[in-house]
Each structure stands twice: as C-alpha cells, then as structure tokens.
Protein backbone atom coordinates (compact mmCIF):
# COMPACT_ATOMS: atom_id res chain seq x y z
CA MET A 1 3.08 56.55 1.74
CA TYR A 2 3.09 56.86 -2.04
CA ILE A 3 6.04 55.77 -4.18
CA ASN A 4 6.41 58.59 -6.69
CA ILE A 5 8.18 57.37 -9.82
CA ILE A 6 8.50 60.92 -11.16
CA ASN A 7 10.65 61.69 -8.12
CA VAL A 8 12.73 58.55 -8.76
CA LYS A 9 13.25 59.56 -12.40
CA HIS A 10 14.30 63.04 -11.26
CA GLN A 11 16.78 61.60 -8.74
CA ILE A 12 18.28 59.34 -11.39
CA GLY A 13 18.60 62.33 -13.70
CA LEU A 14 20.66 64.12 -11.05
CA ARG A 15 23.31 61.39 -11.25
CA LYS A 16 25.41 63.51 -13.59
CA HIS A 17 28.53 61.76 -12.36
CA LEU A 18 28.81 58.33 -10.82
CA PRO A 19 30.06 58.26 -7.22
CA GLU A 20 33.84 58.51 -7.18
CA HIS A 21 34.25 55.87 -4.49
CA GLY A 22 32.38 53.14 -2.63
CA GLU A 23 32.83 54.42 0.90
CA ASP A 24 29.67 55.35 2.74
CA ILE A 25 30.82 58.42 4.64
CA GLY A 26 28.52 60.64 2.59
CA SER A 27 25.34 58.67 3.19
CA MET A 28 26.13 58.36 6.92
CA ILE A 29 26.52 62.14 7.16
CA ARG A 30 23.30 62.68 5.21
CA HIS A 31 21.43 60.22 7.43
CA GLN A 32 22.56 62.00 10.59
CA ARG A 33 21.91 65.48 9.15
CA ARG A 34 18.36 64.50 8.22
CA LYS A 35 17.87 62.86 11.62
CA MET A 36 18.91 66.16 13.25
CA SER A 37 16.46 68.02 10.93
CA LEU A 38 19.22 70.18 9.48
CA THR A 39 19.11 71.60 5.98
CA LEU A 40 22.16 71.27 3.72
CA GLU A 41 22.96 74.91 4.45
CA GLU A 42 22.68 74.40 8.22
CA GLY A 43 24.80 71.26 8.05
CA ALA A 44 27.61 73.06 6.23
CA GLU A 45 27.49 76.17 8.42
CA GLY A 46 30.77 76.80 10.22
CA ILE A 47 32.53 73.93 8.45
CA CYS A 48 32.53 74.19 4.66
CA SER A 49 30.60 75.42 1.66
CA ILE A 50 27.18 73.99 0.80
CA SER A 51 28.51 72.57 -2.47
CA TYR A 52 31.38 70.82 -0.64
CA LEU A 53 28.99 69.12 1.80
CA SER A 54 26.71 68.16 -1.10
CA LYS A 55 29.61 66.49 -2.91
CA VAL A 56 30.62 64.67 0.28
CA GLU A 57 27.06 63.39 0.83
CA ASN A 58 26.82 62.19 -2.78
CA ASN A 59 30.16 60.35 -2.58
CA GLN A 60 31.75 62.73 -5.10
CA ILE A 61 34.68 63.49 -2.80
CA ILE A 62 36.20 62.08 0.39
CA PRO A 63 36.58 64.81 3.03
CA SER A 64 40.07 65.60 4.28
CA ASP A 65 41.02 64.67 7.87
CA LYS A 66 40.32 68.25 8.94
CA TYR A 67 36.75 68.22 7.65
CA LEU A 68 36.21 64.63 8.74
CA GLU A 69 36.85 65.63 12.35
CA LEU A 70 34.52 68.63 12.09
CA PHE A 71 31.75 66.53 10.58
CA GLN A 72 32.07 63.93 13.33
CA GLN A 73 31.79 66.63 16.01
CA LYS A 74 28.83 68.41 14.44
CA PHE A 75 26.84 65.31 13.50
CA GLU A 76 27.82 63.29 16.59
CA ILE A 77 28.93 60.21 14.67
CA SER A 78 32.08 58.12 14.22
CA LEU A 79 33.38 57.93 10.67
CA ASP A 80 36.62 56.10 11.38
CA LYS A 81 35.65 52.88 9.61
CA LEU A 82 34.92 53.16 5.91
CA PHE A 83 32.69 50.71 4.13
CA ASP A 84 34.42 47.90 2.25
CA LYS A 85 34.38 48.54 -1.50
CA ASN A 86 34.02 44.81 -2.19
CA ASP A 87 30.76 44.05 -4.04
CA GLN A 88 30.60 40.43 -2.82
CA LEU A 89 27.81 41.13 -0.32
CA ILE A 90 25.51 42.67 -2.92
CA ILE A 91 26.24 39.76 -5.26
CA ASP A 92 25.35 37.31 -2.49
CA LEU A 93 22.11 39.20 -1.90
CA ILE A 94 21.22 39.11 -5.59
CA ASP A 95 21.92 35.36 -5.61
CA ALA A 96 19.59 34.90 -2.61
CA ILE A 97 16.82 36.90 -4.31
CA PHE A 98 17.40 35.01 -7.55
CA ILE A 99 16.80 31.58 -6.00
CA LYS A 100 14.41 32.91 -3.32
CA ASN A 101 16.60 31.67 -0.46
CA LYS A 102 14.84 33.24 2.52
CA GLN A 103 17.31 31.72 4.97
CA ALA A 104 20.37 33.39 3.41
CA PHE A 105 20.05 36.67 5.31
CA SER A 106 18.29 38.11 8.31
CA LYS A 107 16.98 41.67 8.41
CA GLU A 108 18.99 42.04 11.61
CA ASP A 109 22.15 41.77 9.48
CA PHE A 110 21.67 45.29 8.12
CA LYS A 111 21.02 48.02 10.67
CA GLY A 112 23.63 50.62 9.63
CA PHE A 113 23.14 54.27 8.74
CA ASP A 114 24.99 54.12 5.42
CA TYR A 115 23.02 53.84 2.20
CA ARG A 116 24.27 50.33 1.42
CA SER A 117 22.96 49.02 4.71
CA LYS A 118 19.61 50.64 3.88
CA LEU A 119 19.63 49.05 0.41
CA PHE A 120 20.51 45.60 1.76
CA TYR A 121 17.87 45.92 4.49
CA LEU A 122 15.22 46.71 1.87
CA ALA A 123 16.39 43.76 -0.25
CA THR A 124 16.16 41.38 2.71
CA LEU A 125 12.63 42.51 3.61
CA ILE A 126 11.47 41.96 0.03
CA LEU A 127 13.20 38.59 -0.06
CA LEU A 128 11.20 37.70 3.08
CA GLU A 129 8.04 39.14 1.44
CA GLN A 130 7.52 41.58 4.33
CA TYR A 131 6.19 44.27 2.01
CA LEU A 132 4.70 46.69 4.52
CA ASP A 133 8.01 46.98 6.40
CA ALA A 134 9.81 47.07 3.05
CA LYS A 135 7.83 50.11 2.00
CA LYS A 136 8.95 52.00 5.11
CA ALA A 137 12.54 50.96 4.37
CA TYR A 138 12.11 52.18 0.79
CA PHE A 139 11.43 55.73 1.94
CA GLU A 140 14.48 55.59 4.20
CA LEU A 141 16.60 54.65 1.19
CA ASN A 142 15.03 56.88 -1.47
CA PRO A 143 17.08 60.06 -0.76
CA TYR A 144 20.33 58.17 -1.47
CA ILE A 145 19.80 57.33 -5.15
CA LYS A 146 22.63 59.69 -6.14
CA ASN A 147 25.06 57.72 -3.97
CA MET A 148 24.44 54.46 -5.81
CA ASN A 149 26.67 52.92 -8.43
CA ASP A 150 25.12 51.23 -11.48
CA LEU A 151 24.78 47.80 -9.86
CA GLU A 152 23.16 49.24 -6.74
CA LEU A 153 20.80 51.37 -8.83
CA SER A 154 19.71 48.33 -10.85
CA LEU A 155 18.96 46.41 -7.66
CA TYR A 156 17.12 49.44 -6.23
CA LEU A 157 14.91 49.69 -9.34
CA TYR A 158 14.11 45.96 -9.23
CA LEU A 159 13.20 46.13 -5.54
CA SER A 160 11.08 49.26 -6.07
CA ALA A 161 9.26 47.62 -8.99
CA THR A 162 8.54 44.56 -6.82
CA LEU A 163 6.92 46.83 -4.22
CA LEU A 164 4.85 48.57 -6.88
CA GLU A 165 3.76 45.24 -8.38
CA ASP A 166 2.64 44.08 -4.93
CA GLU A 167 0.48 47.21 -4.69
CA GLY A 168 -1.03 46.58 -8.13
CA ARG A 169 0.77 49.54 -9.74
CA LEU A 170 1.91 47.46 -12.68
CA SER A 171 2.45 50.27 -15.18
CA ASP A 172 4.62 52.24 -12.75
CA ALA A 173 6.64 49.11 -11.97
CA PHE A 174 7.17 48.50 -15.69
CA THR A 175 8.25 52.12 -16.23
CA LEU A 176 10.76 51.92 -13.37
CA LEU A 177 12.38 48.77 -14.77
CA ARG A 178 12.77 50.43 -18.16
CA MET A 179 14.77 53.19 -16.49
CA ASN A 180 17.53 50.65 -15.94
CA GLU A 181 20.17 51.49 -18.53
CA ALA A 182 23.28 50.33 -16.67
CA GLU A 183 25.58 48.13 -18.76
CA SER A 184 27.36 46.62 -15.77
CA THR A 185 24.27 44.96 -14.26
CA ASN A 186 24.88 41.56 -12.70
CA PHE A 187 23.58 38.95 -15.19
CA LYS A 188 21.27 37.25 -12.68
CA LEU A 189 19.82 40.62 -11.74
CA LYS A 190 19.42 41.42 -15.42
CA MET A 191 17.43 38.19 -15.88
CA LEU A 192 15.26 39.01 -12.85
CA ILE A 193 14.52 42.43 -14.37
CA GLU A 194 13.76 41.07 -17.85
CA THR A 195 11.53 38.32 -16.40
CA LYS A 196 9.69 40.86 -14.27
CA LYS A 197 9.02 43.05 -17.31
CA ILE A 198 7.49 40.12 -19.22
CA ILE A 199 5.31 39.20 -16.22
CA LEU A 200 4.11 42.80 -15.87
CA ALA A 201 3.46 43.06 -19.61
CA CYS A 202 1.32 39.91 -19.49
CA LYS A 203 -0.69 41.21 -16.53
CA MET A 204 -1.29 44.53 -18.33
CA ASP A 205 -2.17 42.90 -21.68
CA LYS A 206 0.76 44.72 -23.28
CA HIS A 207 0.71 42.42 -26.27
CA PRO A 208 3.34 44.14 -28.47
CA TYR A 209 5.94 43.82 -25.71
CA VAL A 210 5.05 40.20 -24.95
CA THR A 211 5.22 39.31 -28.64
CA MET A 212 8.58 41.02 -29.11
CA TYR A 213 10.42 39.74 -26.04
CA TYR A 214 8.84 36.63 -24.51
CA ASP A 215 10.52 34.03 -26.73
CA GLU A 216 13.86 35.83 -26.48
CA ILE A 217 13.82 35.97 -22.66
CA LEU A 218 12.53 32.40 -22.37
CA SER A 219 15.36 31.12 -24.61
CA GLU A 220 17.91 33.08 -22.56
CA LEU A 221 16.63 31.58 -19.32
CA ILE A 222 16.64 28.05 -20.75
CA SER A 223 20.15 28.42 -22.18
CA HIS A 224 21.47 29.34 -18.71
CA GLU A 225 19.35 26.64 -17.06
CA TYR A 226 17.44 29.11 -14.89
CA TYR A 227 14.49 26.76 -14.85
CA HIS A 228 12.73 28.20 -11.80
CA LEU A 229 12.31 31.47 -13.72
CA VAL A 230 11.30 29.54 -16.83
CA HIS A 231 8.44 27.92 -14.90
CA GLU A 232 7.39 31.22 -13.35
CA ILE A 233 7.35 33.17 -16.60
CA LYS A 234 5.64 30.35 -18.52
CA PHE A 235 2.76 30.06 -16.04
CA ILE A 236 2.07 33.81 -16.20
CA TYR A 237 2.40 33.72 -19.99
CA LEU A 238 -0.08 30.86 -20.32
CA SER A 239 -2.50 32.68 -17.97
CA TYR A 240 -2.30 35.64 -20.31
CA MET A 241 -2.55 33.61 -23.54
CA THR A 242 -5.74 31.77 -22.53
CA GLN A 243 -7.63 34.64 -24.18
CA PHE A 244 -6.11 33.65 -27.56
CA PHE A 245 -6.09 29.84 -27.27
CA ASP A 246 -8.78 27.39 -28.20
CA GLN A 247 -9.20 24.36 -25.95
CA LYS A 248 -6.98 22.12 -28.08
CA LYS A 249 -4.16 24.66 -28.09
CA LEU A 250 -4.40 25.10 -24.33
CA PHE A 251 -4.20 21.36 -23.66
CA ASN A 252 -1.24 21.05 -26.02
CA GLU A 253 0.58 23.78 -24.13
CA LEU A 254 -0.22 22.16 -20.79
CA GLU A 255 1.10 18.82 -22.04
CA LYS A 256 4.40 20.49 -22.98
CA SER A 257 4.65 22.30 -19.64
CA LEU A 258 5.84 19.42 -17.47
CA ASN A 259 6.52 21.53 -14.39
CA ILE A 260 3.09 23.12 -14.15
CA THR A 261 1.62 22.01 -10.82
CA ALA A 262 -1.84 20.47 -10.53
CA GLU A 263 -3.14 23.64 -8.88
CA GLN A 264 -1.65 25.85 -11.59
CA ARG A 265 -3.15 23.59 -14.25
CA ASN A 266 -6.60 23.91 -12.68
CA TYR A 267 -6.21 27.66 -12.43
CA LEU A 268 -5.33 27.88 -16.13
CA LEU A 269 -8.33 25.76 -17.07
CA ILE A 270 -10.66 27.85 -14.90
CA ASN A 271 -9.21 31.03 -16.36
CA TYR A 272 -9.75 29.70 -19.87
CA LEU A 273 -13.35 28.71 -19.15
CA TYR A 274 -13.99 32.10 -17.56
CA ARG A 275 -12.60 33.95 -20.59
CA THR A 276 -14.77 31.83 -22.93
CA ASN A 277 -17.88 32.52 -20.81
CA GLU A 278 -18.26 28.89 -19.72
CA PHE A 279 -18.97 29.91 -16.15
CA ASN A 280 -20.79 26.76 -15.04
CA LYS A 281 -17.89 24.54 -16.07
CA SER A 282 -15.41 26.84 -14.36
CA GLU A 283 -17.46 26.69 -11.15
CA GLN A 284 -17.11 22.90 -11.05
CA LEU A 285 -13.32 23.18 -11.13
CA LEU A 286 -13.28 25.71 -8.30
CA GLU A 287 -13.77 22.84 -5.86
CA GLU A 288 -10.23 21.70 -6.63
CA ILE A 289 -8.60 25.06 -5.98
CA HIS A 290 -7.05 26.10 -2.66
CA PHE A 291 -7.44 29.83 -2.14
CA THR A 292 -3.94 30.53 -0.88
CA ASN A 293 -3.33 33.68 -2.91
CA SER A 294 -5.26 36.68 -4.14
CA ARG A 295 -5.03 35.58 -7.79
CA THR A 296 -7.16 32.43 -7.38
CA TYR A 297 -9.34 34.04 -4.70
CA LEU A 298 -10.22 36.96 -6.96
CA LEU A 299 -10.94 34.79 -10.01
CA ALA A 300 -13.24 32.55 -7.96
CA SER A 301 -15.05 35.59 -6.52
CA ILE A 302 -15.64 37.07 -9.97
CA ILE A 303 -16.93 33.77 -11.39
CA LEU A 304 -19.32 33.16 -8.49
CA ASN A 305 -20.51 36.76 -8.84
CA ARG A 306 -21.28 36.23 -12.53
CA LEU A 307 -23.25 33.10 -11.62
CA ASN A 308 -24.94 34.96 -8.74
CA LYS A 309 -24.08 32.12 -6.34
CA LYS A 310 -24.76 34.14 -3.21
CA GLU A 311 -24.22 31.42 -0.62
CA LYS A 312 -20.98 30.22 -2.17
CA ILE A 313 -19.61 33.71 -2.52
CA LYS A 314 -20.59 34.55 1.07
CA THR A 315 -18.63 31.50 2.24
CA LEU A 316 -15.65 32.48 0.10
CA LEU A 317 -15.66 36.08 1.33
CA GLN A 318 -15.44 34.87 4.92
CA HIS A 319 -11.89 33.71 4.19
CA LYS A 320 -9.53 36.63 4.53
CA ILE A 321 -6.86 36.94 1.85
CA ASP A 322 -4.03 39.36 2.57
CA THR A 323 -3.28 41.66 -0.33
CA ASN A 324 -1.61 45.05 -0.57
CA ASN A 325 -3.25 45.60 -3.95
CA ALA A 326 -5.84 48.35 -3.46
CA HIS A 327 -7.65 47.38 -6.67
CA GLU A 328 -8.11 43.78 -5.51
CA ARG A 329 -9.32 44.96 -2.12
CA LEU A 330 -11.83 47.23 -3.85
CA ILE A 331 -13.43 44.32 -5.73
CA ILE A 332 -13.67 42.28 -2.52
CA GLU A 333 -15.23 45.27 -0.74
CA TYR A 334 -17.75 45.67 -3.55
CA LEU A 335 -18.70 41.98 -3.58
CA LYS A 336 -19.21 42.01 0.19
CA LEU A 337 -21.49 45.00 -0.21
CA LYS A 338 -23.43 43.27 -2.98
CA HIS A 339 -23.76 39.73 -1.62
CA VAL A 340 -23.34 39.99 2.16
CA GLU A 341 -24.80 43.35 3.07
CA ASN A 342 -27.37 43.38 0.21
CA SER A 343 -26.90 47.07 -0.35
CA SER A 344 -29.07 48.92 -2.85
CA HIS A 345 -26.35 51.54 -3.42
CA LEU A 346 -23.99 49.64 -5.68
CA ASP A 347 -24.20 52.35 -8.33
CA GLN A 348 -23.03 54.92 -5.77
CA PHE A 349 -20.11 52.69 -4.79
CA ILE A 350 -18.95 52.39 -8.41
CA ARG A 351 -19.48 56.10 -9.04
CA ILE A 352 -17.36 57.15 -6.04
CA LYS A 353 -14.73 54.41 -6.01
CA ILE A 354 -14.20 54.01 -9.77
CA LEU A 355 -15.52 56.93 -11.82
CA LYS A 356 -14.10 59.59 -9.52
CA GLN A 357 -10.70 57.97 -8.99
CA TYR A 358 -7.58 59.31 -10.67
CA GLU A 359 -6.01 55.89 -11.19
CA LEU A 360 -7.82 52.90 -12.65
CA ALA A 361 -6.31 49.44 -12.24
CA ASP A 362 -3.45 48.36 -14.53
CA SER A 363 -4.81 44.82 -14.81
CA LYS A 364 -7.08 44.16 -17.79
CA ASP A 365 -8.98 41.50 -15.82
CA ILE A 366 -9.84 43.99 -13.08
CA LEU A 367 -10.74 46.66 -15.64
CA MET A 368 -13.09 44.24 -17.39
CA PHE A 369 -14.75 43.36 -14.08
CA TRP A 370 -15.69 47.01 -13.54
CA TYR A 371 -16.67 47.39 -17.20
CA GLU A 372 -19.16 44.52 -17.03
CA GLU A 373 -20.36 45.04 -13.47
CA GLY A 374 -20.50 48.82 -13.73
CA VAL A 375 -22.35 49.00 -17.02
CA ASN A 376 -24.98 46.49 -15.85
CA THR A 377 -25.44 48.29 -12.52
CA PHE A 378 -25.75 51.73 -14.07
CA LYS A 379 -28.19 50.53 -16.75
CA LYS A 380 -30.41 48.93 -14.13
CA GLY A 381 -30.63 52.27 -12.36
CA GLY A 382 -31.16 54.19 -15.59
CA TYR A 383 -27.77 55.98 -15.31
CA TYR A 384 -26.83 55.69 -18.97
CA LYS A 385 -24.48 58.66 -18.93
CA ASP A 386 -22.45 57.10 -16.13
CA ALA A 387 -22.38 53.80 -18.03
CA THR A 388 -21.01 55.58 -21.11
CA ILE A 389 -18.36 57.42 -19.10
CA LEU A 390 -17.24 54.17 -17.47
CA CYS A 391 -17.01 52.42 -20.86
CA GLU A 392 -14.86 55.21 -22.27
CA MET A 393 -12.58 55.27 -19.22
CA VAL A 394 -11.96 51.53 -19.25
CA ILE A 395 -11.37 51.33 -23.01
CA ASP A 396 -8.96 54.29 -22.90
CA LYS A 397 -7.04 52.66 -20.05
CA ILE A 398 -6.81 49.28 -21.82
CA ASN A 399 -5.55 50.97 -25.00
CA THR A 400 -2.98 52.94 -23.02
CA LEU A 401 -1.69 49.82 -21.29
CA ALA A 402 -1.37 47.97 -24.58
CA THR A 403 1.12 50.46 -26.04
CA LEU A 404 4.88 50.39 -25.50
CA ARG A 405 4.95 53.92 -24.11
CA ASP A 406 6.04 54.35 -20.47
C-alpha cells in the first residue's frame, strides 16, 4: 500500500467549493456505494442524476426527504441521524495528539461509516502509534478528502505526514504539510505542523528552511509555553547541528538545554564524534546507550561497521528493532549480510538495492552511509563505473533535499 501524494494533491485541487454543511450523509452514502462495488453512475441509476449524487456525496447539498428515502432503500442504510456539526470532538482529539495523551481515546470509539469517524479513527491509531493499522485506515479515509472542511483537512495532512515520516518518506511528508493553506487551522494543530516541518527539514539537511524558520517556531512555542514541543524540536535541531559545531559549542548548547535527558545527551555526543570521525571515542560511549529506538540502533550499527567490530555488531544485530522505515531496514539487512553471513556479494546487494531503486533515502545520514560503504565496496571489486554512478546519485539527492522546492 503506497501513499501517493500526487493523488492527495489532486484530491485537494478538486475542492473547488468547501462542503456546504457538516452532516455526514454524503460520506455514509459513498462508503456504502463503494462497499457494494457500485460506480457513481450505477449508484444514481433510477434515483437521480450522476451530478446530483456526486454533490450529495461531497456534502455540497443535503438530499430532500424524497431522495433520502430512495438512497436508504438502495444502499441499505439508515440516514435518520445526522452528524453533529459541533467541532468539539475534533478539538479534543487535536489536544490529545498535542500532549500525546494515549488514554484520551480508544480506537473503539470511532467505528462509523461517515468520513469523520474514519478521520478520528485514523487520528486515534496514530496517537497510539499503531502505524500499520493506521495505514489501512488511511486508505479507507483517502477518498473523502473533498468532504473535509479546512480544519479536518489540516488534521488529515498532519496525520498523513506522520505516516510518511514513519516510513522514512521525509520529503513527501514535508511536501504534504506545505499543502496546508487553511487559515482557520486550530492553533495547536498549526504548531504541530510547523514543528513537524522543522523536524523533517533537519532530518533532510534542508539548511535554508531550518535557518529561516527554526528560531521563529522555537520562539512561538516558548511564548505559548509549549515546552514539550520545545524539547522535542531542540533535540532534533541539536542532532542536526552537530555537523556544524565544534566541541566547545556543543557543550555550551548542552549546558543551556536543561531538559535534555542523559540518554539524549549521550546520543548527541556520539553523533558529534561520529560526524568528526572520532569513531573509537564514540564506541566507548555506546556502552551507555539503550537501543530502544531505530535512531540509536542505526547509529551504533554504522559506527561499529566503520570500526569493523564484527563480534559487537553481531551481538547488536541479534536485537530486533521494529521500524517501518524501509531505508533503515535495508541498512540492517546489508550489515547482517556483511558481518553475520560473511557474504562475498556485497557489491551485488548495493547494485540491486540502491543503484537500481527509483527512490533513494531522504535522510542525509543514510545517504552518506551508502556513499561511503558503496564506493569502498565497488572500488574493492574494481567496479569504478558503479562507484561513480553511486556518487552522482547520492550527491544529486542531497542537493535536491537541501533546496526549498517541494
């Protein structure tokens, strides 16, 4: 299941007029029509024109009592109770996502056929970090973009971007968030979106964007006392900026960052030492890291690989880390092949899995891993043409990510 952002952009473009009302009759009819495998033409047959049914499904008009009865008979549903127009539930959901309150809602709370129930169900799954189920829910919701008002669309784009980020599709996530042009966005949701864009920009090494907006967003968060987002954005920012800091500057920043945890502090130091090629020092600090997420797990794997610490990396690779990021899984697969299975076909792996793939990773760190590992592997085998092609691909990708273009 592939989230196609071109399709999302197209669907948003079809929102020529905002829905005229908040009732969910239209999305309930569409859900049932699709469930019955009926086309728009087949659904309208014997009742109304195709354009009339289309307007009903997109919440452009409310059907008269006459048509309402015919729709209920044909689609075998009850449409007596209209959805409450009150936005309080969506505001409560945004608040729960904002403070990461996983106890606020249960996914069992939203099992309806209307598009709002589908949207709230998706939001709850992402709040609970159940991303595989959330992706299935996403495709259930996707056909109803035209039914959404501005607030709902903003939430939908944020949720979709979160799914894409979890998969490692950082550039697509960033592009989706920049599609959000609604002026009526809930302020907390707006801050979630702006924070997410900075985090994605840091991960992609999109320096112009980080330079232009980081201080502005950080000041906004501080002024509203949204300190949990301040800590989150600052940690990611410092992880990114280690490539520009000297050791004194890094320690000064860590001293000012009072809410950085001991584990985050160690990660930042290891990341700094890795970026400055002090691999032996970074290895010593790895003993103090708990590999509870793919970020620290991947960094440790790459460092131990550079040091060729086969026994240590074998031990590390025995610990399974769950990640939906295909690019992270690919590095782990490669390192297992290299250090556990002792394969002599590493060049073939890189040729098939990297050179012949349409999409390279959006993370500069992952790109640089393949740049260094791939070039060395190809040169050892005498495949200089492949090494050159890989260099050009990685450099082009890094340059593309650095720009402000979507």
